[in-house]
Amino acid sequence: MTLTMHDVMTDPMFARTDPTIEAGEAGMDRTVRWAYTNERYDIASFLSSGELVIIEGSALLGHMGDNEIIRYVDTLVDAGVAGLAIELVEGVRTVPKAMIARADERGLPVIGMHRRMPFVDLCQSINTSIVKDQLLVQVRTDTLATTMRTRLATARSAQDVAKILNEIFGESVAIFDSDGLVIAHCGPSIRPADADYPAERTLVLDVRKNGGPLASIEITQRNRLADGRIADRVDEVIKQVLPAFVQTQPRNAMLAHVLRGPTNGYRAGEQEINDAATMLQAIGLSDVKHLIPFAIAMDSVSSSIDAVSRCLSGDEEEDASDEDTIADVLEGNMLFGLYAAADGGDDKGPGSGAEFGSGLDTGTNPGSASDANPDPAQGGGTGKAGNRGDAVMRLKRRLADVAALPGTWCIYGRAVPSVSMLLDECGLLQFAAHDAAGLPGTGTVTNLLAAAPQRLLGIGHTRDAAGALQSLMLGDALPNQESLMRTLGACFDAGGNISKACELLEIHRQTLYNRLAKITELTGISKEDSMAWPLLLCAAKLKVAELQATEFQAAEPADGGQ
């Protein structure tokens, strides 16, 4: 059990203050980790989230204007404070209107205390309740873990594990392998969501072996909800037992390794690129320029996995392609995959994409640099770059069917020409699926590039963030093409105006179109892509500026020009 702001209101000692909710009622479910009193304006710098801050008020609020009060509320919210309690007995008898308005806006509970009680007594009473609850939870958790270890020691199969968990928790238990197939089940079927009822609330655990996905365990929460600490201990015990009864899938382990992206989450190193290229070759996905990463989240694996599989299979005639394939792996309640689009055949004509070469391109092939290929907009062939766009549309249609299912949401990427760019995309995919501040909403199909700005802002050093953007959008081939880089830089400066870009470059309009067509082939990004094109231009501008700075330093006389 955790103490919430609602629970604080009924604390025996705190209730004697005759408390009232003055603002921020929407945040009354916040968990209180500790009760603390301090009248400093900069108190937020001393907090670590979850505190209930108790103040007398007159020494602080009596000397602040509205703007200062608003900033005070903002600092408390940003610090993760659970709530603010103000004594309204002398001096300050009402909560300032500016504080009420801001607290309501940001969901910060503000409690008015209308009778005086020693703050030390209030803090002691609340904190004692918190400590008692923590001790009780710890005892229950330790007892549960001991029981699980003792019982599971007798298990001889995955079905035994499911049966024992069912008996311990009194809940339905389903165990899936990394392919999403049920390998054990015990208890009543988990009820799927429908138009009238949401899916049952469940706990989904991701069981891994040697870092790779092994199984997903789903446990219903009908009788009681497992808080974070209990869920962690259950997870810990199961991971020690289940791997003995589930066969690892080397192909899925390699696929999951690629889909995790770079170790640092945003930019792949040379060894990582080589390892990923080898793994993709081993699992039959060597044509990297036709691979599109995606992720699907499910509130309930049991309720959704079969329907998700049917949607991804593309049963509808208008969306089906016998040559398109999907390689996916189940990790917890997330299905990560690569959509392998079989486009373009072996054609070698202009715009066919033959410039990429055969087999795996690890990102070091500079490609063609001529302006000879006609622009698709001017009647030239769309080639593989255009077909990659068609493949993305086919994937989006399938994901739209998935997102229409109750309790699911999807993220999709783009087809890129090299392993290095694919790994960077997969790193962004993981961030968008797990770490982004605002996860996609149920029923949505989201372009993973929507999470790129937030991911870049989270990188500690500006130089690393700029390098990550360039690697994600430009790859290794495009920066070697001086004319193409200057073209993108001019498009950035021209704000998308073709005529102005031509003037800056001193080239004919047709030449610009030809270069844009080659850029699309090298990156898979067209000028019409409103999500990716601005990021591409920004990355190119940063790279051009970096190259110009290097050239300037090289040309500067050693004596500083004297």
Protein backbone atom coordinates (compact mmCIF):
# COMPACT_ATOMS: atom_id res chain seq x y z
CA MET A 1 0.00 0.00 0.00
CA THR A 2 1.18 3.54 -0.74
CA LEU A 3 0.03 6.72 0.99
CA THR A 4 -1.73 9.22 -1.27
CA MET A 5 -2.86 12.80 -0.69
CA HIS A 6 -6.35 11.42 -0.09
CA ASP A 7 -4.93 9.23 2.69
CA VAL A 8 -3.14 12.20 4.27
CA MET A 9 -6.46 13.99 4.65
CA THR A 10 -7.70 11.13 6.88
CA ASP A 11 -4.51 10.79 8.92
CA PRO A 12 -5.66 11.10 12.60
CA MET A 13 -3.27 13.92 13.45
CA PHE A 14 -3.59 15.78 10.16
CA ALA A 15 -7.40 15.54 10.28
CA ARG A 16 -7.32 17.63 13.46
CA THR A 17 -6.20 20.64 11.37
CA ASP A 18 -9.65 20.70 9.74
CA PRO A 19 -8.11 20.36 6.25
CA THR A 20 -9.79 21.41 3.01
CA ILE A 21 -8.74 20.96 -0.61
CA GLU A 22 -8.17 24.50 -1.88
CA ALA A 23 -6.77 23.66 -5.34
CA GLY A 24 -5.37 20.88 -7.52
CA GLU A 25 -7.95 18.25 -6.67
CA ALA A 26 -7.02 16.38 -9.85
CA GLY A 27 -3.68 15.48 -8.25
CA MET A 28 -5.02 14.01 -5.01
CA ASP A 29 -4.04 10.50 -6.11
CA ARG A 30 -0.35 11.43 -5.98
CA THR A 31 1.80 9.23 -3.78
CA VAL A 32 3.30 10.85 -0.67
CA ARG A 33 6.81 9.59 -0.01
CA TRP A 34 7.59 11.90 2.95
CA ALA A 35 6.16 14.87 4.89
CA TYR A 36 8.51 17.84 5.15
CA THR A 37 8.32 21.43 6.38
CA ASN A 38 10.39 24.35 5.13
CA GLU A 39 9.53 27.99 4.44
CA ARG A 40 12.29 28.68 1.88
CA TYR A 41 11.29 30.06 -1.50
CA ASP A 42 13.92 27.83 -3.17
CA ILE A 43 12.80 24.70 -1.33
CA ALA A 44 12.55 22.76 -4.61
CA SER A 45 16.34 22.46 -4.75
CA PHE A 46 16.21 20.38 -1.54
CA LEU A 47 13.48 17.97 -2.69
CA SER A 48 13.64 14.63 -4.51
CA SER A 49 9.94 14.14 -5.45
CA GLY A 50 7.01 12.72 -3.52
CA GLU A 51 7.14 15.15 -0.60
CA LEU A 52 4.18 16.77 1.12
CA VAL A 53 5.45 20.26 1.91
CA ILE A 54 3.86 21.88 5.00
CA ILE A 55 4.26 25.65 5.48
CA GLU A 56 2.94 28.33 7.81
CA GLY A 57 2.49 30.66 4.88
CA SER A 58 2.77 34.19 6.21
CA ALA A 59 6.57 34.24 6.16
CA LEU A 60 6.55 33.20 2.53
CA LEU A 61 3.32 34.02 0.71
CA GLY A 62 2.86 37.31 2.53
CA HIS A 63 5.87 38.76 0.71
CA MET A 64 5.38 37.38 -2.81
CA GLY A 65 3.65 38.88 -5.82
CA ASP A 66 1.53 36.88 -8.23
CA ASN A 67 4.42 36.15 -10.60
CA GLU A 68 6.58 34.89 -7.73
CA ILE A 69 3.73 32.70 -6.48
CA ILE A 70 3.31 31.19 -9.94
CA ARG A 71 7.05 30.47 -10.15
CA TYR A 72 6.92 28.92 -6.67
CA VAL A 73 4.14 26.54 -7.74
CA ASP A 74 6.00 25.68 -10.92
CA THR A 75 9.19 24.81 -9.03
CA LEU A 76 7.24 22.53 -6.69
CA VAL A 77 5.54 20.72 -9.57
CA ASP A 78 8.80 20.39 -11.52
CA ALA A 79 10.43 18.89 -8.40
CA GLY A 80 7.69 16.24 -8.25
CA VAL A 81 6.10 17.43 -5.00
CA ALA A 82 3.05 15.41 -3.97
CA GLY A 83 1.22 18.35 -2.42
CA LEU A 84 1.40 21.62 -0.47
CA ALA A 85 -0.30 22.17 2.90
CA ILE A 86 -0.70 25.76 4.16
CA GLU A 87 -1.74 26.84 7.64
CA LEU A 88 -4.59 29.35 7.29
CA VAL A 89 -4.89 30.55 10.88
CA GLU A 90 -2.95 33.81 11.25
CA GLY A 91 -1.38 36.16 8.74
CA VAL A 92 -2.36 34.21 5.62
CA ARG A 93 -5.98 33.14 6.04
CA THR A 94 -6.79 32.37 2.39
CA VAL A 95 -4.81 30.78 -0.41
CA PRO A 96 -3.79 33.45 -2.97
CA LYS A 97 -5.87 33.41 -6.14
CA ALA A 98 -2.76 33.19 -8.30
CA MET A 99 -1.70 30.02 -6.45
CA ILE A 100 -5.16 28.45 -6.80
CA ALA A 101 -5.25 29.14 -10.52
CA ARG A 102 -1.74 27.82 -11.16
CA ALA A 103 -2.14 24.78 -8.90
CA ASP A 104 -5.39 23.85 -10.64
CA GLU A 105 -3.70 24.26 -14.00
CA ARG A 106 -0.78 22.01 -13.08
CA GLY A 107 -2.64 19.56 -10.83
CA LEU A 108 -0.77 20.37 -7.60
CA PRO A 109 -2.93 19.63 -4.52
CA VAL A 110 -3.03 22.60 -2.14
CA ILE A 111 -4.49 21.81 1.28
CA GLY A 112 -5.68 24.51 3.65
CA MET A 113 -5.22 23.77 7.38
CA HIS A 114 -7.76 25.81 9.38
CA ARG A 115 -6.70 24.74 12.86
CA ARG A 116 -3.22 24.99 14.32
CA MET A 117 -1.23 21.87 15.06
CA PRO A 118 2.56 21.58 15.65
CA PHE A 119 4.17 20.80 12.31
CA VAL A 120 6.54 18.35 13.95
CA ASP A 121 3.56 16.30 15.13
CA LEU A 122 2.01 16.36 11.66
CA CYS A 123 5.22 15.23 10.00
CA GLN A 124 5.78 12.52 12.61
CA SER A 125 2.28 11.10 12.22
CA ILE A 126 2.36 11.03 8.42
CA ASN A 127 5.92 9.73 8.16
CA THR A 128 5.25 7.00 10.74
CA SER A 129 2.33 5.78 8.62
CA ILE A 130 4.55 5.78 5.54
CA VAL A 131 7.29 3.79 7.28
CA LYS A 132 4.80 1.27 8.69
CA ASP A 133 3.28 0.73 5.26
CA GLN A 134 6.74 0.29 3.73
CA LEU A 135 7.65 -2.31 6.37
CA LEU A 136 4.40 -4.20 5.83
CA VAL A 137 4.93 -4.20 2.06
CA GLN A 138 8.51 -5.38 2.54
CA VAL A 139 7.40 -8.24 4.80
CA ARG A 140 4.65 -9.29 2.39
CA THR A 141 7.05 -9.04 -0.53
CA ASP A 142 9.72 -11.13 1.18
CA THR A 143 7.15 -13.72 2.22
CA LEU A 144 5.76 -13.88 -1.32
CA ALA A 145 9.25 -14.24 -2.81
CA THR A 146 10.08 -17.07 -0.38
CA THR A 147 6.83 -18.85 -1.19
CA MET A 148 7.42 -18.52 -4.92
CA ARG A 149 10.98 -19.84 -4.71
CA THR A 150 9.88 -22.82 -2.60
CA ARG A 151 6.95 -23.73 -4.84
CA LEU A 152 8.68 -23.07 -8.16
CA ALA A 153 11.59 -25.28 -7.15
CA THR A 154 9.25 -28.21 -7.82
CA ALA A 155 8.32 -27.05 -11.33
CA ARG A 156 9.31 -29.31 -14.22
CA SER A 157 7.77 -27.40 -17.14
CA ALA A 158 6.45 -24.02 -18.21
CA GLN A 159 2.94 -25.33 -17.54
CA ASP A 160 4.00 -26.13 -13.95
CA VAL A 161 5.22 -22.54 -13.58
CA ALA A 162 1.88 -21.18 -14.80
CA LYS A 163 -0.05 -23.54 -12.48
CA ILE A 164 2.01 -22.60 -9.41
CA LEU A 165 1.66 -18.87 -10.10
CA ASN A 166 -2.09 -19.37 -10.54
CA GLU A 167 -2.30 -21.10 -7.16
CA ILE A 168 -0.17 -18.49 -5.35
CA PHE A 169 -1.92 -15.39 -6.75
CA GLY A 170 -5.35 -16.80 -7.55
CA GLU A 171 -5.01 -15.16 -10.97
CA SER A 172 -5.03 -16.35 -14.57
CA VAL A 173 -1.53 -16.84 -15.95
CA ALA A 174 -0.43 -17.05 -19.58
CA ILE A 175 3.14 -17.60 -20.80
CA PHE A 176 4.20 -16.69 -24.35
CA ASP A 177 7.48 -17.44 -26.12
CA SER A 178 9.35 -14.74 -28.03
CA ASP A 179 7.37 -15.63 -31.19
CA GLY A 180 4.15 -14.66 -29.39
CA LEU A 181 2.86 -18.26 -29.13
CA VAL A 182 1.17 -19.49 -25.94
CA ILE A 183 3.32 -22.17 -24.30
CA ALA A 184 1.45 -22.40 -20.97
CA HIS A 185 -1.81 -21.21 -19.48
CA CYS A 186 -3.68 -21.72 -16.22
CA GLY A 187 -6.93 -20.18 -15.02
CA PRO A 188 -9.95 -18.66 -16.77
CA SER A 189 -9.32 -17.04 -20.13
CA ILE A 190 -8.26 -13.42 -19.96
CA ARG A 191 -11.23 -11.43 -21.19
CA PRO A 192 -10.43 -9.28 -24.23
CA ALA A 193 -11.65 -5.73 -24.58
CA ASP A 194 -14.76 -5.00 -26.60
CA ALA A 195 -17.02 -2.07 -27.34
CA ASP A 196 -18.62 -2.24 -23.90
CA TYR A 197 -15.76 -3.24 -21.57
CA PRO A 198 -12.04 -2.47 -21.45
CA ALA A 199 -9.57 -5.32 -21.33
CA GLU A 200 -8.81 -6.81 -17.93
CA ARG A 201 -5.99 -5.16 -16.05
CA THR A 202 -2.92 -7.40 -16.18
CA LEU A 203 0.74 -7.46 -15.20
CA VAL A 204 3.06 -8.35 -18.09
CA LEU A 205 6.63 -9.43 -17.31
CA ASP A 206 9.45 -9.56 -19.84
CA VAL A 207 11.67 -12.60 -19.20
CA ARG A 208 15.11 -12.48 -20.83
CA LYS A 209 18.09 -14.80 -21.08
CA ASN A 210 21.60 -13.54 -21.83
CA GLY A 211 20.08 -10.19 -22.72
CA GLY A 212 17.76 -11.63 -25.37
CA PRO A 213 13.96 -12.07 -25.19
CA LEU A 214 12.84 -15.43 -23.87
CA ALA A 215 9.19 -15.20 -22.79
CA SER A 216 6.38 -12.90 -21.69
CA ILE A 217 4.24 -13.76 -18.66
CA GLU A 218 0.83 -12.15 -18.25
CA ILE A 219 -0.92 -12.30 -14.86
CA THR A 220 -4.40 -10.88 -14.32
CA GLN A 221 -4.98 -8.38 -11.50
CA ARG A 222 -8.51 -9.35 -10.53
CA ASN A 223 -7.98 -9.87 -6.81
CA ARG A 224 -5.34 -7.27 -6.02
CA LEU A 225 -3.01 -4.97 -7.91
CA ALA A 226 0.71 -5.68 -7.71
CA ASP A 227 2.60 -2.48 -6.96
CA GLY A 228 6.05 -1.83 -8.38
CA ARG A 229 7.98 -3.50 -5.56
CA ILE A 230 5.96 -6.72 -5.64
CA ALA A 231 6.08 -6.82 -9.45
CA ASP A 232 9.87 -6.46 -9.34
CA ARG A 233 10.25 -9.35 -6.88
CA VAL A 234 7.92 -11.58 -8.89
CA ASP A 235 9.90 -10.70 -12.00
CA GLU A 236 13.18 -11.50 -10.20
CA VAL A 237 12.05 -14.95 -9.03
CA ILE A 238 10.46 -15.99 -12.33
CA LYS A 239 13.58 -15.04 -14.29
CA GLN A 240 15.55 -17.49 -12.16
CA VAL A 241 13.20 -20.38 -12.91
CA LEU A 242 11.50 -20.07 -16.30
CA PRO A 243 14.60 -20.10 -18.60
CA ALA A 244 15.10 -23.78 -17.74
CA PHE A 245 11.81 -24.67 -19.44
CA VAL A 246 11.70 -22.37 -22.49
CA GLN A 247 13.84 -22.94 -25.55
CA THR A 248 15.80 -19.91 -26.70
CA GLN A 249 15.37 -18.80 -30.31
CA PRO A 250 18.75 -17.67 -31.74
CA ARG A 251 17.03 -15.94 -34.65
CA ASN A 252 14.84 -13.92 -32.30
CA ALA A 253 17.82 -13.08 -30.10
CA MET A 254 19.69 -11.66 -33.12
CA LEU A 255 16.61 -9.81 -34.35
CA ALA A 256 16.05 -8.30 -30.89
CA HIS A 257 19.71 -7.29 -30.72
CA VAL A 258 19.39 -5.31 -33.95
CA LEU A 259 16.05 -3.80 -32.90
CA ARG A 260 17.55 -2.51 -29.64
CA GLY A 261 19.73 -0.17 -31.67
CA PRO A 262 22.99 1.41 -30.46
CA THR A 263 24.22 0.83 -26.93
CA ASN A 264 24.08 4.57 -26.18
CA GLY A 265 20.58 4.76 -27.65
CA TYR A 266 21.25 7.23 -30.43
CA ARG A 267 24.36 6.55 -32.55
CA ALA A 268 25.87 3.24 -33.61
CA GLY A 269 29.58 2.57 -33.47
CA GLU A 270 31.60 0.77 -36.14
CA GLN A 271 31.69 -2.56 -34.28
CA GLU A 272 27.94 -2.40 -33.60
CA ILE A 273 27.29 -1.79 -37.29
CA ASN A 274 29.43 -4.76 -38.32
CA ASP A 275 27.78 -7.04 -35.76
CA ALA A 276 24.30 -5.97 -36.85
CA ALA A 277 25.18 -6.53 -40.52
CA THR A 278 26.33 -10.06 -39.70
CA MET A 279 23.16 -10.80 -37.72
CA LEU A 280 20.86 -9.48 -40.43
CA GLN A 281 22.70 -11.64 -42.97
CA ALA A 282 22.29 -14.67 -40.71
CA ILE A 283 18.53 -14.25 -40.32
CA GLY A 284 17.94 -13.59 -44.02
CA LEU A 285 17.34 -9.83 -43.92
CA SER A 286 20.38 -8.74 -45.92
CA ASP A 287 18.51 -6.27 -48.17
CA VAL A 288 18.64 -3.60 -45.49
CA LYS A 289 17.35 -0.77 -47.70
CA HIS A 290 13.92 -2.41 -47.70
CA LEU A 291 13.61 -2.94 -43.92
CA ILE A 292 11.18 -0.74 -41.98
CA PRO A 293 11.25 -0.94 -38.16
CA PHE A 294 8.03 -0.81 -36.17
CA ALA A 295 6.68 -1.45 -32.67
CA ILE A 296 3.25 -2.42 -31.35
CA ALA A 297 2.20 -2.07 -27.72
CA MET A 298 -0.64 -4.13 -26.25
CA ASP A 299 -2.41 -3.55 -22.94
CA SER A 300 -3.01 -7.30 -22.85
CA VAL A 301 -0.95 -9.78 -24.86
CA SER A 302 -3.51 -12.57 -24.37
CA SER A 303 -6.33 -10.39 -25.64
CA SER A 304 -4.52 -8.89 -28.62
CA ILE A 305 -1.69 -11.04 -29.97
CA ASP A 306 -3.81 -13.21 -32.30
CA ALA A 307 -5.68 -10.24 -33.76
CA VAL A 308 -2.42 -8.31 -34.14
CA SER A 309 -0.90 -11.22 -36.07
CA ARG A 310 -3.91 -11.35 -38.41
CA CYS A 311 -3.66 -7.62 -39.11
CA LEU A 312 0.07 -7.81 -39.82
CA SER A 313 -0.43 -10.71 -42.22
CA GLY A 314 -2.22 -8.34 -44.61
CA ASP A 315 -5.13 -10.60 -45.47
CA GLU A 316 -6.97 -7.95 -47.44
CA GLU A 317 -6.33 -8.34 -51.15
CA GLU A 318 -5.60 -4.66 -51.76
CA ASP A 319 -2.96 -4.62 -49.04
CA ALA A 320 -1.46 -8.08 -49.42
CA SER A 321 1.90 -8.71 -51.02
CA ASP A 322 3.18 -12.27 -51.28
CA GLU A 323 6.78 -11.04 -51.25
CA ASP A 324 6.49 -8.69 -48.26
CA THR A 325 7.49 -10.37 -45.02
CA ILE A 326 7.58 -9.41 -41.35
CA ALA A 327 10.16 -10.52 -38.77
CA ASP A 328 9.06 -9.71 -35.24
CA VAL A 329 9.81 -10.61 -31.64
CA LEU A 330 7.67 -10.28 -28.50
CA GLU A 331 9.30 -8.50 -25.56
CA GLY A 332 6.93 -8.09 -22.61
CA ASN A 333 3.81 -6.44 -23.97
CA MET A 334 5.69 -4.94 -26.94
CA LEU A 335 6.01 -6.49 -30.38
CA PHE A 336 9.08 -5.13 -32.20
CA GLY A 337 9.66 -5.98 -35.82
CA LEU A 338 11.14 -5.28 -39.22
CA TYR A 339 8.81 -5.07 -42.21
CA ALA A 340 10.79 -6.49 -45.15
CA ALA A 341 9.39 -5.00 -48.34
CA ALA A 342 10.25 -6.83 -51.57
CA ASP A 343 10.28 -3.88 -53.99
CA GLY A 344 12.01 -3.03 -57.23
CA GLY A 345 13.27 -6.46 -58.27
CA ASP A 346 16.66 -6.52 -59.99
CA ASP A 347 16.08 -3.57 -62.32
CA LYS A 348 19.21 -1.53 -63.01
CA GLY A 349 17.77 1.44 -64.83
CA PRO A 350 18.03 5.09 -63.79
CA GLY A 351 16.55 5.65 -60.37
CA SER A 352 16.35 1.92 -59.72
CA GLY A 353 18.39 2.11 -56.58
CA ALA A 354 21.18 -0.02 -58.09
CA GLU A 355 23.60 2.60 -56.79
CA PHE A 356 23.29 0.94 -53.39
CA GLY A 357 25.04 -2.15 -54.68
CA SER A 358 24.20 -5.73 -53.82
CA GLY A 359 23.97 -7.39 -50.46
CA LEU A 360 24.40 -5.49 -47.21
CA ASP A 361 25.48 -1.86 -47.27
CA THR A 362 26.98 -1.07 -43.87
CA GLY A 363 26.89 2.65 -44.55
CA THR A 364 30.28 3.20 -46.22
CA ASN A 365 29.23 3.09 -49.90
CA PRO A 366 29.06 6.72 -51.13
CA GLY A 367 26.78 5.89 -54.05
CA SER A 368 26.46 7.81 -57.32
CA ALA A 369 27.25 11.53 -57.41
CA SER A 370 26.19 12.52 -60.92
CA ASP A 371 23.23 14.74 -61.81
CA ALA A 372 22.18 12.45 -64.67
CA ASN A 373 19.08 10.79 -63.21
CA PRO A 374 15.81 12.52 -64.06
CA ASP A 375 13.66 13.77 -61.21
CA PRO A 376 10.50 11.73 -60.57
CA ALA A 377 8.51 14.95 -60.47
CA GLN A 378 9.73 15.71 -63.98
CA GLY A 379 8.81 12.35 -65.46
CA GLY A 380 11.75 10.20 -64.34
CA GLY A 381 11.44 6.75 -62.81
CA THR A 382 10.62 6.55 -59.13
CA GLY A 383 12.77 3.46 -58.70
CA LYS A 384 13.35 1.86 -55.35
CA ALA A 385 13.18 5.09 -53.40
CA GLY A 386 9.62 5.54 -54.54
CA ASN A 387 8.86 1.87 -53.89
CA ARG A 388 10.20 2.23 -50.36
CA GLY A 389 7.60 4.93 -49.86
CA ASP A 390 4.93 2.55 -51.14
CA ALA A 391 6.13 -0.08 -48.68
CA VAL A 392 5.83 2.37 -45.79
CA MET A 393 2.25 3.09 -46.85
CA ARG A 394 1.47 -0.64 -46.91
CA LEU A 395 2.93 -1.03 -43.44
CA LYS A 396 0.97 1.97 -42.18
CA ARG A 397 -2.26 0.44 -43.47
CA ARG A 398 -1.57 -2.76 -41.59
CA LEU A 399 -0.64 -0.85 -38.44
CA ALA A 400 -3.84 1.20 -38.76
CA ASP A 401 -5.77 -2.09 -38.59
CA VAL A 402 -3.76 -3.03 -35.50
CA ALA A 403 -4.35 0.33 -33.80
CA ALA A 404 -8.10 -0.11 -34.35
CA LEU A 405 -7.95 -3.01 -31.90
CA PRO A 406 -8.75 -2.12 -28.26
CA GLY A 407 -5.75 -1.26 -26.10
CA THR A 408 -3.05 -1.07 -28.79
CA TRP A 409 -0.82 1.60 -30.32
CA CYS A 410 1.87 1.52 -32.98
CA ILE A 411 5.07 3.28 -34.04
CA TYR A 412 6.62 2.98 -37.49
CA GLY A 413 9.90 4.07 -39.07
CA ARG A 414 11.23 4.43 -42.61
CA ALA A 415 13.31 2.42 -45.03
CA VAL A 416 16.96 3.54 -44.97
CA PRO A 417 19.90 2.56 -47.18
CA SER A 418 22.44 1.38 -44.59
CA VAL A 419 22.80 -0.69 -41.43
CA SER A 420 24.17 2.29 -39.53
CA MET A 421 21.04 4.34 -40.21
CA LEU A 422 18.81 1.35 -39.42
CA LEU A 423 20.47 0.94 -36.02
CA ASP A 424 20.05 4.65 -35.28
CA GLU A 425 16.37 4.36 -36.23
CA CYS A 426 15.95 1.35 -33.94
CA GLY A 427 17.51 3.31 -31.09
CA LEU A 428 14.97 6.08 -31.65
CA LEU A 429 12.22 3.45 -31.87
CA GLN A 430 13.16 2.12 -28.43
CA PHE A 431 13.15 5.65 -27.01
CA ALA A 432 9.74 6.41 -28.52
CA ALA A 433 8.32 3.12 -27.20
CA HIS A 434 9.77 3.16 -23.69
CA ASP A 435 11.40 6.42 -22.61
CA ALA A 436 9.60 9.32 -24.30
CA ALA A 437 7.81 11.64 -21.85
CA GLY A 438 4.52 11.28 -23.69
CA LEU A 439 3.99 7.74 -24.91
CA PRO A 440 1.70 7.29 -27.93
CA GLY A 441 -1.98 7.09 -27.10
CA THR A 442 -4.12 4.01 -27.54
CA GLY A 443 -5.43 3.74 -31.09
CA THR A 444 -2.64 5.81 -32.66
CA VAL A 445 -0.10 5.08 -35.38
CA THR A 446 2.90 7.36 -34.81
CA ASN A 447 5.94 8.21 -36.93
CA LEU A 448 8.97 7.53 -34.73
CA LEU A 449 10.63 10.73 -36.01
CA ALA A 450 8.08 12.62 -33.90
CA ALA A 451 10.21 11.61 -30.91
CA ALA A 452 13.50 12.77 -32.48
CA PRO A 453 13.54 16.34 -31.02
CA GLN A 454 12.87 15.07 -27.50
CA ARG A 455 15.54 12.38 -27.86
CA LEU A 456 18.11 14.87 -29.14
CA LEU A 457 17.36 17.29 -26.29
CA GLY A 458 18.03 14.46 -23.84
CA ILE A 459 21.60 13.95 -25.10
CA GLY A 460 24.06 15.52 -22.69
CA HIS A 461 26.42 17.28 -25.11
CA THR A 462 25.40 19.48 -28.04
CA ARG A 463 28.12 18.02 -30.27
CA ASP A 464 26.83 14.49 -29.60
CA ALA A 465 23.25 15.58 -30.31
CA ALA A 466 24.28 17.19 -33.61
CA GLY A 467 26.23 14.07 -34.56
CA ALA A 468 23.27 11.86 -33.68
CA LEU A 469 20.95 13.92 -35.88
CA GLN A 470 23.39 13.81 -38.79
CA SER A 471 23.90 10.07 -38.45
CA LEU A 472 20.14 9.42 -38.23
CA MET A 473 19.17 11.56 -41.21
CA LEU A 474 22.28 11.70 -43.45
CA GLY A 475 23.98 8.36 -42.87
CA ASP A 476 27.55 7.92 -44.07
CA ALA A 477 27.05 8.24 -47.83
CA LEU A 478 25.40 11.64 -48.22
CA PRO A 479 28.01 13.78 -46.38
CA ASN A 480 30.59 12.63 -48.98
CA GLN A 481 28.56 14.19 -51.79
CA GLU A 482 29.59 17.85 -51.72
CA SER A 483 27.07 19.00 -54.32
CA LEU A 484 24.19 17.28 -52.54
CA MET A 485 25.18 18.69 -49.16
CA ARG A 486 25.43 22.20 -50.59
CA THR A 487 22.02 21.66 -52.17
CA LEU A 488 20.42 20.75 -48.85
CA GLY A 489 22.14 23.67 -47.16
CA ALA A 490 20.72 26.03 -49.78
CA CYS A 491 17.24 24.53 -49.38
CA PHE A 492 17.52 25.20 -45.66
CA ASP A 493 18.57 28.81 -46.25
CA ALA A 494 15.84 29.30 -48.86
CA GLY A 495 13.12 28.10 -46.51
CA GLY A 496 11.85 25.60 -49.06
CA ASN A 497 11.66 28.09 -51.95
CA ILE A 498 12.94 26.25 -55.03
CA SER A 499 13.66 29.37 -57.06
CA LYS A 500 15.63 30.98 -54.26
CA ALA A 501 17.60 27.76 -53.68
CA CYS A 502 18.52 27.72 -57.38
CA GLU A 503 19.73 31.30 -57.13
CA LEU A 504 21.88 30.53 -54.10
CA LEU A 505 23.42 27.52 -55.86
CA GLU A 506 23.60 29.24 -59.27
CA ILE A 507 22.11 26.16 -60.98
CA HIS A 508 19.14 25.47 -63.23
CA ARG A 509 15.87 24.31 -61.75
CA GLN A 510 16.11 20.90 -63.48
CA THR A 511 19.55 20.34 -61.94
CA LEU A 512 18.10 21.00 -58.48
CA TYR A 513 15.31 18.51 -59.12
CA ASN A 514 17.86 15.92 -60.22
CA ARG A 515 19.86 16.39 -57.04
CA LEU A 516 16.77 16.15 -54.87
CA ALA A 517 15.93 12.85 -56.59
CA LYS A 518 19.37 11.46 -55.73
CA ILE A 519 19.01 12.68 -52.14
CA THR A 520 15.73 10.77 -51.93
CA GLU A 521 17.46 7.62 -53.20
CA LEU A 522 20.32 7.96 -50.72
CA THR A 523 18.14 8.69 -47.69
CA GLY A 524 14.64 7.44 -48.53
CA ILE A 525 13.36 10.97 -47.73
CA SER A 526 11.49 13.11 -50.25
CA LYS A 527 10.75 16.81 -50.14
CA GLU A 528 7.07 15.95 -49.61
CA ASP A 529 7.81 14.20 -46.30
CA SER A 530 6.72 16.88 -43.84
CA MET A 531 8.12 14.95 -40.86
CA ALA A 532 11.54 13.86 -42.12
CA TRP A 533 12.47 16.60 -44.61
CA PRO A 534 12.90 19.43 -42.03
CA LEU A 535 15.08 17.14 -39.89
CA LEU A 536 17.14 16.25 -42.96
CA LEU A 537 17.66 19.93 -43.81
CA CYS A 538 18.64 20.74 -40.24
CA ALA A 539 21.12 17.86 -40.15
CA ALA A 540 22.61 18.92 -43.49
CA LYS A 541 22.94 22.55 -42.41
CA LEU A 542 24.78 21.51 -39.24
CA LYS A 543 27.10 19.30 -41.29
CA VAL A 544 27.81 22.03 -43.85
CA ALA A 545 28.56 24.50 -41.06
CA GLU A 546 30.88 21.97 -39.46
CA LEU A 547 32.74 21.41 -42.74
CA GLN A 548 33.02 25.15 -43.38
CA ALA A 549 34.46 25.69 -39.90
CA THR A 550 37.04 22.96 -40.54
CA GLU A 551 37.99 24.49 -43.89
CA PHE A 552 38.31 27.94 -42.31
CA GLN A 553 40.60 26.68 -39.58
CA ALA A 554 42.75 24.86 -42.13
CA ALA A 555 43.07 27.99 -44.28
CA GLU A 556 43.81 30.40 -41.38
CA PRO A 557 47.52 31.43 -41.30
CA ALA A 558 49.51 30.08 -38.39
CA ASP A 559 50.46 33.62 -37.30
CA GLY A 560 46.82 34.66 -37.08
CA GLY A 561 47.01 36.71 -40.29
CA GLN A 562 49.71 39.14 -39.18
